């Protein structure tokens, strides 16, 4: 699913046009942005705790015993 997000200020002039434009594409949904209030992220620097939470961790683990035992090569 793909969302075409229209800013509230431009909804009157763009919404109908974009719905018509994407009418042949069932994977696209046109929506109007209805968020209110200020952006909570603006002007704030993340604390060390938040930075720690955002670290990408290696999730892959070794899985011992995945390969069949072939035995020692003949001498």
Protein backbone atom coordinates (compact mmCIF):
# COMPACT_ATOMS: atom_id res chain seq x y z
CA UNK A 1 0.00 0.00 0.00
CA UNK A 2 1.26 3.44 -0.94
CA UNK A 3 -0.16 6.57 0.65
CA UNK A 4 -0.25 9.90 -1.14
CA UNK A 5 -0.42 12.37 1.74
CA UNK A 6 -1.93 15.77 0.97
CA UNK A 7 -1.13 18.65 3.37
CA UNK A 8 -4.27 20.03 5.00
CA UNK A 9 -3.60 23.49 3.55
CA UNK A 10 -3.70 22.10 0.00
CA UNK A 11 -6.49 19.56 0.45
CA UNK A 12 -9.20 21.71 -1.20
CA UNK A 13 -7.28 22.10 -4.43
CA UNK A 14 -5.32 18.83 -4.62
CA UNK A 15 -7.34 16.03 -3.04
CA UNK A 16 -9.84 15.47 -5.87
CA UNK A 17 -7.11 15.81 -8.51
CA UNK A 18 -4.88 13.23 -6.83
CA UNK A 19 -7.76 10.78 -6.29
CA UNK A 20 -8.54 11.04 -10.00
CA UNK A 21 -4.86 10.69 -10.94
CA UNK A 22 -4.43 7.50 -8.90
CA UNK A 23 -7.89 6.05 -9.61
CA UNK A 24 -6.40 3.35 -11.88
CA UNK A 25 -3.82 2.26 -9.31
CA UNK A 26 -5.35 0.16 -6.50
CA UNK A 27 -2.06 0.25 -4.57
CA UNK A 28 -2.28 4.00 -3.91
CA UNK A 29 -4.55 5.61 -1.33
CA UNK A 30 -4.84 9.39 -1.18
CA UNK A 31 -5.21 10.82 2.33
CA UNK A 32 -5.24 14.26 3.95
CA UNK A 33 -2.75 14.94 6.73
CA UNK A 34 -4.82 15.67 9.83
CA UNK A 35 -2.10 15.91 12.45
CA UNK A 36 -2.36 18.83 14.82
CA UNK A 37 0.02 20.53 17.21
CA UNK A 38 3.71 21.08 17.08
CA UNK A 39 6.25 18.49 16.05
CA UNK A 40 7.52 16.90 19.26
CA UNK A 41 10.92 16.20 17.71
CA UNK A 42 11.76 19.77 16.73
CA UNK A 43 14.41 21.54 18.74
CA UNK A 44 15.25 18.63 20.99
CA UNK A 45 18.51 16.77 21.12
CA UNK A 46 18.18 13.12 22.00
CA UNK A 47 19.50 12.05 25.38
CA UNK A 48 22.13 9.33 25.74
CA UNK A 49 19.41 6.90 26.80
CA UNK A 50 17.39 7.54 23.65
CA UNK A 51 20.49 7.22 21.48
CA UNK A 52 21.20 3.86 23.13
CA UNK A 53 17.69 2.66 22.32
CA UNK A 54 18.15 3.61 18.67
CA UNK A 55 21.29 1.56 18.15
CA UNK A 56 20.96 -1.13 15.55
CA UNK A 57 21.91 -4.39 17.10
CA UNK A 58 23.19 -7.48 15.35
CA UNK A 59 20.34 -9.95 15.66
CA UNK A 60 21.83 -12.82 13.71
CA UNK A 61 23.18 -15.59 15.86
CA UNK A 62 25.44 -18.51 15.11
CA UNK A 63 23.58 -21.77 14.73
CA UNK A 64 25.96 -24.59 15.60
CA UNK A 65 25.38 -27.95 13.99
CA UNK A 66 23.87 -26.64 10.77
CA UNK A 67 26.35 -28.46 8.51
CA UNK A 68 26.37 -32.25 8.23
CA UNK A 69 29.31 -34.07 9.75
CA UNK A 70 31.50 -35.25 6.88
CA UNK A 71 34.12 -36.94 9.00
CA UNK A 72 37.87 -36.67 8.63
CA UNK A 73 39.33 -36.85 5.14
CA UNK A 74 41.04 -40.15 4.20
CA UNK A 75 44.78 -40.17 4.73
